[in-house]
């Protein structure tokens, strides 16, 4: 059974750092484009980063570009999302998604991904 699992969320203070992990069972993430998305109540899910399969091209929206980092650990078959200098607006449920078809261009949208995890909650509070 194919399953994505996110971990690493929790309570973090503004200015702190966080590392979220996305792992897969049933297949290797090394061969897939992976996206990280954030969703807050009442709003649509939005991309915060993605990394393509193969050459590991990365994308960040301008709102997070200087503080978020996505990278792949091939040995662990895990994709990480690091968040530095956490802000209140980073709060939300973070989901990872995988696709064997998404390019760097279309990974910016929540449509068409093959699999999604259940999410990990990030709460920002001082």
C-alpha atoms as a PDB file:
ATOM      1  CA  UNK A   1       0.000   0.000   0.000  1.00  0.00           C
ATOM      2  CA  UNK A   2       1.350   3.389  -0.989  1.00  0.00           C
ATOM      3  CA  UNK A   3       1.480   5.850   1.838  1.00  0.00           C
ATOM      4  CA  UNK A   4       3.156   9.175   2.549  1.00  0.00           C
ATOM      5  CA  UNK A   5       3.902  10.133   6.121  1.00  0.00           C
ATOM      6  CA  UNK A   6       4.827  13.592   7.344  1.00  0.00           C
ATOM      7  CA  UNK A   7       6.472  14.258  10.682  1.00  0.00           C
ATOM      8  CA  UNK A   8       8.307  16.983  12.517  1.00  0.00           C
ATOM      9  CA  UNK A   9       5.512  19.409  13.166  1.00  0.00           C
ATOM     10  CA  UNK A  10       4.757  20.845  16.559  1.00  0.00           C
ATOM     11  CA  UNK A  11       4.895  23.995  18.575  1.00  0.00           C
ATOM     12  CA  UNK A  12       7.585  26.488  17.628  1.00  0.00           C
ATOM     13  CA  UNK A  13       8.338  30.025  18.726  1.00  0.00           C
ATOM     14  CA  UNK A  14       8.649  32.886  16.270  1.00  0.00           C
ATOM     15  CA  UNK A  15      12.233  33.087  15.091  1.00  0.00           C
ATOM     16  CA  UNK A  16      12.808  29.410  15.670  1.00  0.00           C
ATOM     17  CA  UNK A  17      13.478  26.631  13.191  1.00  0.00           C
ATOM     18  CA  UNK A  18      11.738  23.473  12.214  1.00  0.00           C
ATOM     19  CA  UNK A  19      12.439  20.498   9.988  1.00  0.00           C
ATOM     20  CA  UNK A  20       9.582  18.537   8.521  1.00  0.00           C
ATOM     21  CA  UNK A  21      10.052  15.092   7.007  1.00  0.00           C
ATOM     22  CA  UNK A  22       8.180  13.250   4.305  1.00  0.00           C
ATOM     23  CA  UNK A  23       8.737   9.542   3.866  1.00  0.00           C
ATOM     24  CA  UNK A  24       6.975   6.929   1.806  1.00  0.00           C
ATOM     25  CA  UNK A  25       6.023   3.320   2.214  1.00  0.00           C
ATOM     26  CA  UNK A  26       5.334   1.159  -0.775  1.00  0.00           C
ATOM     27  CA  UNK A  27       7.629   3.097  -3.095  1.00  0.00           C
ATOM     28  CA  UNK A  28      10.784   5.207  -3.114  1.00  0.00           C
ATOM     29  CA  UNK A  29      10.438   8.969  -3.039  1.00  0.00           C
ATOM     30  CA  UNK A  30      13.768   9.215  -4.824  1.00  0.00           C
ATOM     31  CA  UNK A  31      11.991   8.721  -8.140  1.00  0.00           C
ATOM     32  CA  UNK A  32       9.241  11.247  -7.567  1.00  0.00           C
ATOM     33  CA  UNK A  33       8.646  14.954  -7.565  1.00  0.00           C
ATOM     34  CA  UNK A  34       7.632  15.964  -4.061  1.00  0.00           C
ATOM     35  CA  UNK A  35       5.714  19.014  -3.012  1.00  0.00           C
ATOM     36  CA  UNK A  36       5.111  20.558   0.375  1.00  0.00           C
ATOM     37  CA  UNK A  37       1.841  22.379   0.888  1.00  0.00           C
ATOM     38  CA  UNK A  38       0.374  24.373   3.734  1.00  0.00           C
ATOM     39  CA  UNK A  39      -3.266  24.741   4.574  1.00  0.00           C
ATOM     40  CA  UNK A  40      -4.965  26.922   7.152  1.00  0.00           C
ATOM     41  CA  UNK A  41      -8.642  26.785   8.063  1.00  0.00           C
ATOM     42  CA  UNK A  42     -10.844  28.476   5.515  1.00  0.00           C
ATOM     43  CA  UNK A  43      -8.146  28.728   2.864  1.00  0.00           C
ATOM     44  CA  UNK A  44      -7.023  26.612  -0.019  1.00  0.00           C
ATOM     45  CA  UNK A  45      -3.972  24.441   0.175  1.00  0.00           C
ATOM     46  CA  UNK A  46      -0.947  26.335  -1.144  1.00  0.00           C
ATOM     47  CA  UNK A  47       2.468  25.195  -2.194  1.00  0.00           C
ATOM     48  CA  UNK A  48       5.435  26.222  -0.077  1.00  0.00           C
ATOM     49  CA  UNK A  49       8.067  24.240  -1.928  1.00  0.00           C
ATOM     50  CA  UNK A  50       8.653  21.419  -4.349  1.00  0.00           C
ATOM     51  CA  UNK A  51      11.568  19.385  -5.612  1.00  0.00           C
ATOM     52  CA  UNK A  52      11.610  17.532  -8.886  1.00  0.00           C
ATOM     53  CA  UNK A  53      12.696  13.993  -9.504  1.00  0.00           C
ATOM     54  CA  UNK A  54      15.992  13.416 -11.256  1.00  0.00           C
ATOM     55  CA  UNK A  55      18.024  16.629 -10.984  1.00  0.00           C
ATOM     56  CA  UNK A  56      16.253  17.928  -7.862  1.00  0.00           C
ATOM     57  CA  UNK A  57      15.226  21.313  -9.172  1.00  0.00           C
ATOM     58  CA  UNK A  58      13.480  23.320  -6.473  1.00  0.00           C
ATOM     59  CA  UNK A  59      10.733  25.894  -6.354  1.00  0.00           C
ATOM     60  CA  UNK A  60       9.674  28.327  -3.620  1.00  0.00           C
ATOM     61  CA  UNK A  61       7.027  31.006  -3.757  1.00  0.00           C
ATOM     62  CA  UNK A  62       8.332  34.498  -3.032  1.00  0.00           C
ATOM     63  CA  UNK A  63       6.641  34.538   0.368  1.00  0.00           C
ATOM     64  CA  UNK A  64       8.930  31.821   1.761  1.00  0.00           C
ATOM     65  CA  UNK A  65      11.904  31.914  -0.568  1.00  0.00           C
ATOM     66  CA  UNK A  66      14.510  33.122   1.920  1.00  0.00           C
ATOM     67  CA  UNK A  67      13.411  30.998   4.857  1.00  0.00           C
ATOM     68  CA  UNK A  68      12.300  27.618   3.536  1.00  0.00           C
ATOM     69  CA  UNK A  69      14.596  24.934   2.221  1.00  0.00           C
ATOM     70  CA  UNK A  70      13.643  21.652   0.599  1.00  0.00           C
ATOM     71  CA  UNK A  71      16.085  18.838   0.100  1.00  0.00           C
ATOM     72  CA  UNK A  72      16.136  15.147  -0.526  1.00  0.00           C
ATOM     73  CA  UNK A  73      18.085  12.526   1.390  1.00  0.00           C
ATOM     74  CA  UNK A  74      18.342   9.717  -1.100  1.00  0.00           C
ATOM     75  CA  UNK A  75      19.772   7.219   1.351  1.00  0.00           C
ATOM     76  CA  UNK A  76      16.857   7.713   3.703  1.00  0.00           C
ATOM     77  CA  UNK A  77      14.352   8.127   0.870  1.00  0.00           C
ATOM     78  CA  UNK A  78      13.070  11.178   2.639  1.00  0.00           C
ATOM     79  CA  UNK A  79      12.316  14.724   1.575  1.00  0.00           C
ATOM     80  CA  UNK A  80      12.783  17.430   4.165  1.00  0.00           C
ATOM     81  CA  UNK A  81      11.409  20.915   4.499  1.00  0.00           C
ATOM     82  CA  UNK A  82      13.374  23.238   6.728  1.00  0.00           C
ATOM     83  CA  UNK A  83      11.766  26.390   7.990  1.00  0.00           C
ATOM     84  CA  UNK A  84      14.025  29.048   9.445  1.00  0.00           C
ATOM     85  CA  UNK A  85      13.117  32.264  11.234  1.00  0.00           C
ATOM     86  CA  UNK A  86       9.604  30.969  11.757  1.00  0.00           C
ATOM     87  CA  UNK A  87       6.801  33.511  11.533  1.00  0.00           C
ATOM     88  CA  UNK A  88       3.225  33.445  12.743  1.00  0.00           C
ATOM     89  CA  UNK A  89       2.023  33.131   9.160  1.00  0.00           C
ATOM     90  CA  UNK A  90       3.866  29.820   8.838  1.00  0.00           C
ATOM     91  CA  UNK A  91       1.298  28.195  11.088  1.00  0.00           C
ATOM     92  CA  UNK A  92      -0.837  25.564   9.429  1.00  0.00           C
ATOM     93  CA  UNK A  93      -1.140  21.948   8.449  1.00  0.00           C
ATOM     94  CA  UNK A  94       1.721  20.884   6.232  1.00  0.00           C
ATOM     95  CA  UNK A  95       1.216  18.152   3.682  1.00  0.00           C
ATOM     96  CA  UNK A  96       3.606  16.448   1.346  1.00  0.00           C
ATOM     97  CA  UNK A  97       2.553  15.062  -1.995  1.00  0.00           C
ATOM     98  CA  UNK A  98       4.265  12.946  -4.619  1.00  0.00           C
ATOM     99  CA  UNK A  99       4.001  12.634  -8.363  1.00  0.00           C
ATOM    100  CA  UNK A 100       5.918  10.880 -11.114  1.00  0.00           C
ATOM    101  CA  UNK A 101       4.670  13.413 -13.666  1.00  0.00           C
ATOM    102  CA  UNK A 102       4.944  16.868 -12.134  1.00  0.00           C
ATOM    103  CA  UNK A 103       7.510  19.258 -13.496  1.00  0.00           C
ATOM    104  CA  UNK A 104       8.913  22.326 -11.789  1.00  0.00           C
ATOM    105  CA  UNK A 105       6.243  24.390 -13.499  1.00  0.00           C
ATOM    106  CA  UNK A 106       3.162  22.448 -12.511  1.00  0.00           C
ATOM    107  CA  UNK A 107       4.348  21.398  -9.075  1.00  0.00           C
ATOM    108  CA  UNK A 108       3.195  24.836  -7.877  1.00  0.00           C
ATOM    109  CA  UNK A 109      -0.414  23.737  -7.842  1.00  0.00           C
ATOM    110  CA  UNK A 110      -2.226  21.256  -5.598  1.00  0.00           C
ATOM    111  CA  UNK A 111      -3.933  19.521  -8.526  1.00  0.00           C
ATOM    112  CA  UNK A 112      -2.915  16.209 -10.003  1.00  0.00           C
ATOM    113  CA  UNK A 113      -0.628  14.780  -7.357  1.00  0.00           C
ATOM    114  CA  UNK A 114      -0.703  11.025  -7.020  1.00  0.00           C
ATOM    115  CA  UNK A 115      -0.486  10.686  -3.280  1.00  0.00           C
ATOM    116  CA  UNK A 116      -0.848  12.863  -0.210  1.00  0.00           C
ATOM    117  CA  UNK A 117       0.125  12.393   3.376  1.00  0.00           C
ATOM    118  CA  UNK A 118      -2.121  13.034   6.340  1.00  0.00           C
ATOM    119  CA  UNK A 119      -0.320  16.198   7.304  1.00  0.00           C
ATOM    120  CA  UNK A 120       1.658  17.479  10.245  1.00  0.00           C
ATOM    121  CA  UNK A 121       0.557  20.527  12.207  1.00  0.00           C
ATOM    122  CA  UNK A 122       2.858  23.476  12.768  1.00  0.00           C
ATOM    123  CA  UNK A 123       1.776  25.850  15.500  1.00  0.00           C
ATOM    124  CA  UNK A 124       3.597  29.117  16.045  1.00  0.00           C
ATOM    125  CA  UNK A 125       3.277  30.675  19.446  1.00  0.00           C
ATOM    126  CA  UNK A 126       5.373  32.770  21.760  1.00  0.00           C
END
